[in-house]
Protein backbone atom coordinates (compact mmCIF):
# COMPACT_ATOMS: atom_id res chain seq x y z
CA UNK A 1 14.23 16.81 -21.48
CA UNK A 2 10.67 16.77 -19.87
CA UNK A 3 9.20 13.52 -18.62
CA UNK A 4 6.12 13.44 -16.79
CA UNK A 5 5.35 11.40 -13.61
CA UNK A 6 2.23 9.96 -13.06
CA UNK A 7 0.34 8.35 -10.12
CA UNK A 8 -2.82 6.17 -10.60
CA UNK A 9 -5.62 4.61 -7.91
CA UNK A 10 -6.02 0.94 -8.89
CA UNK A 11 -8.90 -0.90 -7.07
CA UNK A 12 -9.71 -4.70 -8.23
CA UNK A 13 -11.76 -6.79 -7.16
CA UNK A 14 -10.99 -10.14 -5.26
CA UNK A 15 -9.23 -12.76 -7.95
CA UNK A 16 -9.27 -9.88 -10.94
CA UNK A 17 -6.10 -8.97 -12.94
CA UNK A 18 -4.86 -6.23 -14.41
CA UNK A 19 -2.11 -6.41 -17.09
CA UNK A 20 0.35 -3.19 -18.05
CA UNK A 21 3.01 -2.85 -20.80
CA UNK A 22 6.39 -2.05 -21.06
CA UNK A 23 7.50 1.51 -21.88
CA UNK A 24 7.60 3.30 -18.49
CA UNK A 25 9.45 3.41 -15.40
CA UNK A 26 6.78 2.06 -13.10
CA UNK A 27 6.38 1.61 -9.21
CA UNK A 28 3.55 0.07 -7.05
CA UNK A 29 2.72 0.04 -3.74
CA UNK A 30 -0.09 -2.04 -2.19
CA UNK A 31 -2.24 0.27 0.42
CA UNK A 32 -4.79 -2.79 1.11
CA UNK A 33 -5.34 -6.55 0.25
CA UNK A 34 -2.57 -8.52 -1.97
CA UNK A 35 -1.70 -9.74 -5.49
CA UNK A 36 0.92 -11.58 -7.29
CA UNK A 37 3.22 -10.08 -9.98
CA UNK A 38 4.84 -11.41 -12.61
CA UNK A 39 7.26 -10.20 -15.48
CA UNK A 40 10.10 -11.36 -16.84
CA UNK A 41 11.99 -10.17 -14.16
CA UNK A 42 9.88 -10.54 -10.51
CA UNK A 43 7.44 -13.45 -9.47
CA UNK A 44 6.69 -12.64 -6.03
CA UNK A 45 3.83 -12.32 -3.61
CA UNK A 46 3.33 -8.80 -1.93
CA UNK A 47 0.92 -7.41 0.72
CA UNK A 48 -0.14 -4.39 2.13
CA UNK A 49 2.59 -2.10 2.75
CA UNK A 50 4.80 -3.25 0.21
CA UNK A 51 5.91 -2.04 -2.87
CA UNK A 52 7.90 -3.24 -5.97
CA UNK A 53 9.07 -1.72 -9.25
CA UNK A 54 9.17 -2.82 -12.77
CA UNK A 55 9.74 -1.60 -16.39
CA UNK A 56 9.32 -4.91 -18.83
CA UNK A 57 5.16 -6.33 -18.97
CA UNK A 58 3.51 -7.06 -15.99
CA UNK A 59 1.18 -8.79 -14.73
CA UNK A 60 -0.73 -8.36 -11.44
CA UNK A 61 -3.37 -10.63 -9.73
CA UNK A 62 -5.36 -9.84 -6.51
CA UNK A 63 -5.56 -12.26 -3.94
CA UNK A 64 -8.66 -13.61 -2.17
CA UNK A 65 -9.40 -9.95 -1.05
CA UNK A 66 -10.30 -6.31 -2.66
CA UNK A 67 -6.77 -4.95 -3.78
CA UNK A 68 -5.97 -0.46 -3.75
CA UNK A 69 -2.74 0.09 -4.91
CA UNK A 70 -0.77 3.30 -5.91
CA UNK A 71 1.01 3.07 -8.94
CA UNK A 72 3.59 5.60 -10.04
CA UNK A 73 4.27 5.66 -13.84
CA UNK A 74 7.48 7.87 -15.36
CA UNK A 75 6.81 8.46 -18.96
CA UNK A 76 8.12 10.22 -21.70
CA UNK A 77 7.38 13.78 -22.72
CA UNK A 78 4.42 14.16 -24.97
CA UNK A 79 3.26 9.79 -23.47
CA UNK A 80 -0.87 9.99 -22.77
CA UNK A 81 -2.37 8.78 -19.83
CA UNK A 82 -3.40 5.26 -19.92
CA UNK A 83 -5.69 3.78 -17.00
CA UNK A 84 -6.26 0.48 -17.05
CA UNK A 85 -9.10 -0.93 -17.31
CA UNK A 86 -11.20 -4.25 -17.48
CA UNK A 87 -13.66 -7.07 -15.70
CA UNK A 88 -13.17 -6.14 -11.92
CA UNK A 89 -11.06 -2.81 -12.03
CA UNK A 90 -11.37 0.22 -11.39
CA UNK A 91 -8.37 3.30 -12.17
CA UNK A 92 -8.03 6.70 -11.60
CA UNK A 93 -5.28 9.21 -12.44
CA UNK A 94 -4.67 11.04 -9.24
CA UNK A 95 -2.22 13.58 -10.95
CA UNK A 96 0.65 14.13 -12.91
CA UNK A 97 3.82 16.40 -12.91
CA UNK A 98 6.21 17.42 -16.00
CA UNK A 99 9.89 16.65 -14.60
CA UNK A 100 12.62 17.94 -16.60
CA UNK A 101 15.13 15.05 -16.47
CA UNK A 102 18.67 15.14 -18.32
CA UNK A 103 19.09 11.86 -20.58
CA UNK A 104 22.80 12.36 -20.06
CA UNK A 105 22.80 11.97 -16.19
CA UNK A 106 22.12 8.82 -13.92
CA UNK A 107 19.51 8.42 -11.76
CA UNK A 108 17.35 6.56 -9.41
CA UNK A 109 13.82 5.96 -8.38
CA UNK A 110 13.22 5.80 -4.88
CA UNK A 111 9.69 4.49 -3.39
CA UNK A 112 9.16 5.06 0.73
CA UNK A 113 6.74 5.37 3.19
CA UNK A 114 7.16 8.35 6.05
CA UNK A 115 5.05 8.29 9.15
CA UNK A 116 4.25 10.65 11.64
CA UNK A 117 3.09 10.93 15.26
CA UNK A 118 0.08 12.87 16.25
CA UNK A 119 1.09 16.39 16.09
CA UNK A 120 4.75 15.19 14.40
CA UNK A 121 6.20 17.69 11.68
CA UNK A 122 9.09 17.85 9.21
CA UNK A 123 11.09 20.70 9.38
CA UNK A 124 11.60 23.17 6.65
CA UNK A 125 13.76 21.26 4.26
CA UNK A 126 14.35 20.62 0.46
CA UNK A 127 15.03 17.61 -1.74
CA UNK A 128 17.79 16.83 -4.41
CA UNK A 129 14.64 15.61 -6.63
CA UNK A 130 11.02 15.92 -7.40
CA UNK A 131 8.68 13.43 -6.82
CA UNK A 132 4.47 12.66 -5.94
CA UNK A 133 3.53 11.98 -2.29
CA UNK A 134 -0.01 10.64 -1.60
CA UNK A 135 -1.36 10.02 2.29
CA UNK A 136 -2.40 6.97 3.43
CA UNK A 137 -3.86 7.95 6.40
CA UNK A 138 -4.19 10.87 8.99
CA UNK A 139 -3.76 14.55 7.49
CA UNK A 140 -1.15 17.08 6.67
CA UNK A 141 -0.47 20.88 5.60
CA UNK A 142 2.47 21.29 3.12
CA UNK A 143 3.81 24.71 3.46
CA UNK A 144 5.72 25.48 0.43
CA UNK A 145 5.99 28.72 -1.86
CA UNK A 146 4.15 30.77 0.43
CA UNK A 147 1.03 28.94 0.41
CA UNK A 148 -0.41 25.96 2.55
CA UNK A 149 -2.28 22.88 1.34
CA UNK A 150 -4.20 20.11 3.56
CA UNK A 151 -4.89 16.89 2.51
CA UNK A 152 -6.50 13.84 3.96
CA UNK A 153 -6.44 10.15 3.13
CA UNK A 154 -5.57 9.02 -0.28
CA UNK A 155 -4.90 12.54 -1.63
CA UNK A 156 -1.64 13.17 -3.72
CA UNK A 157 0.48 16.56 -4.11
CA UNK A 158 4.07 17.10 -6.20
CA UNK A 159 6.99 18.11 -4.62
CA UNK A 160 9.23 19.76 -7.19
CA UNK A 161 12.61 19.07 -5.01
CA UNK A 162 14.42 22.67 -4.35
CA UNK A 163 11.38 24.58 -3.19
CA UNK A 164 11.65 24.94 0.73
CA UNK A 165 8.40 22.74 2.67
CA UNK A 166 7.22 22.44 5.80
CA UNK A 167 4.81 19.70 7.07
CA UNK A 168 2.92 19.77 9.71
CA UNK A 169 1.00 16.91 10.20
CA UNK A 170 -2.78 15.88 11.90
CA UNK A 171 -2.52 16.32 15.90
CA UNK A 172 -5.32 14.00 17.10
CA UNK A 173 -3.95 10.95 15.00
CA UNK A 174 -0.90 9.30 13.47
CA UNK A 175 -0.21 9.98 9.73
CA UNK A 176 1.77 8.36 6.80
CA UNK A 177 2.33 9.17 2.94
CA UNK A 178 3.83 6.84 0.56
CA UNK A 179 5.74 8.56 -2.06
CA UNK A 180 7.85 8.11 -5.41
CA UNK A 181 11.01 10.45 -6.33
CA UNK A 182 13.48 10.46 -9.08
CA UNK A 183 16.89 11.40 -7.59
CA UNK A 184 20.39 11.37 -9.02
CA UNK A 185 21.94 8.27 -8.40
CA UNK A 186 24.73 9.00 -6.56
CA UNK A 187 22.41 9.16 -4.06
CA UNK A 188 21.73 5.25 -4.39
CA UNK A 189 21.26 4.54 -0.01
CA UNK A 190 21.84 8.24 0.97
CA UNK A 191 19.37 10.76 2.42
CA UNK A 192 18.04 12.60 -0.27
CA UNK A 193 16.72 15.41 2.30
CA UNK A 194 18.92 19.07 3.59
CA UNK A 195 17.49 21.23 6.30
CA UNK A 196 17.10 24.91 4.82
CA UNK A 197 17.58 26.37 8.96
CA UNK A 198 20.93 25.39 10.24
CA UNK A 199 19.66 25.17 13.75
CA UNK A 200 17.17 22.11 12.40
CA UNK A 201 20.20 19.71 11.48
CA UNK A 202 20.40 18.35 15.12
CA UNK A 203 17.06 18.88 16.56
CA UNK A 204 15.50 15.28 16.72
CA UNK A 205 13.10 14.47 14.23
CA UNK A 206 9.49 12.95 14.58
CA UNK A 207 9.16 11.48 11.28
CA UNK A 208 10.40 7.73 10.16
CA UNK A 209 11.56 6.59 6.87
CA UNK A 210 10.71 2.79 5.54
CA UNK A 211 12.30 2.87 2.19
CA UNK A 212 10.85 0.20 -0.01
CA UNK A 213 12.64 0.95 -3.47
CA UNK A 214 16.07 2.50 -4.13
CA UNK A 215 17.23 1.38 -7.64
CA UNK A 216 18.87 2.92 -10.25
CA UNK A 217 16.75 3.64 -13.52
CA UNK A 218 16.91 4.21 -17.37
CA UNK A 219 14.68 7.09 -18.63
CA UNK A 220 12.19 6.36 -20.95
CA UNK A 221 12.16 8.06 -24.43
């Protein structure tokens, strides 16, 4: 069954509110500013470089600073993109990607951040599931399927998972990206990465991980 993973960028003026409906599996990363999130199962405050997930209706209220969010939504096939709108709110769909997921299989949602020092790299690897990444700062070059793509701040890309990827971060500055992946539930608490070349497995790795969300989900349908 085909699902769709979408990434939006939301910008909220101070004290403005964003109301989100149910029907999708949602993950939100706070890029800048801060907010209070309220739902049937969640009530808390989140500042920059924090993240949370929800499926029920959700209300977000910005604090005293302008707030920028990255919002991932996993939706059923055939659903229509729905950027949020309202007073003091600007929303933009950055990327959407089709994902073939098996309703008979259990999945988890993982939301994390990957940091690189200047000149850092992720050696050629694969993952056990697809996901959308978005660069937070710095720069990165993604080598995959015979091509190279360069990304700057708040530019997104999709990685399917099984395609080998080599990532080279900017040489002159630190870089980081946030991502959400849909993975087999058997990977709960475990790494999803596999290195393609045997000689790379034991090499020192320059990337550092910060996991915010690692939770079982039910697919929307």
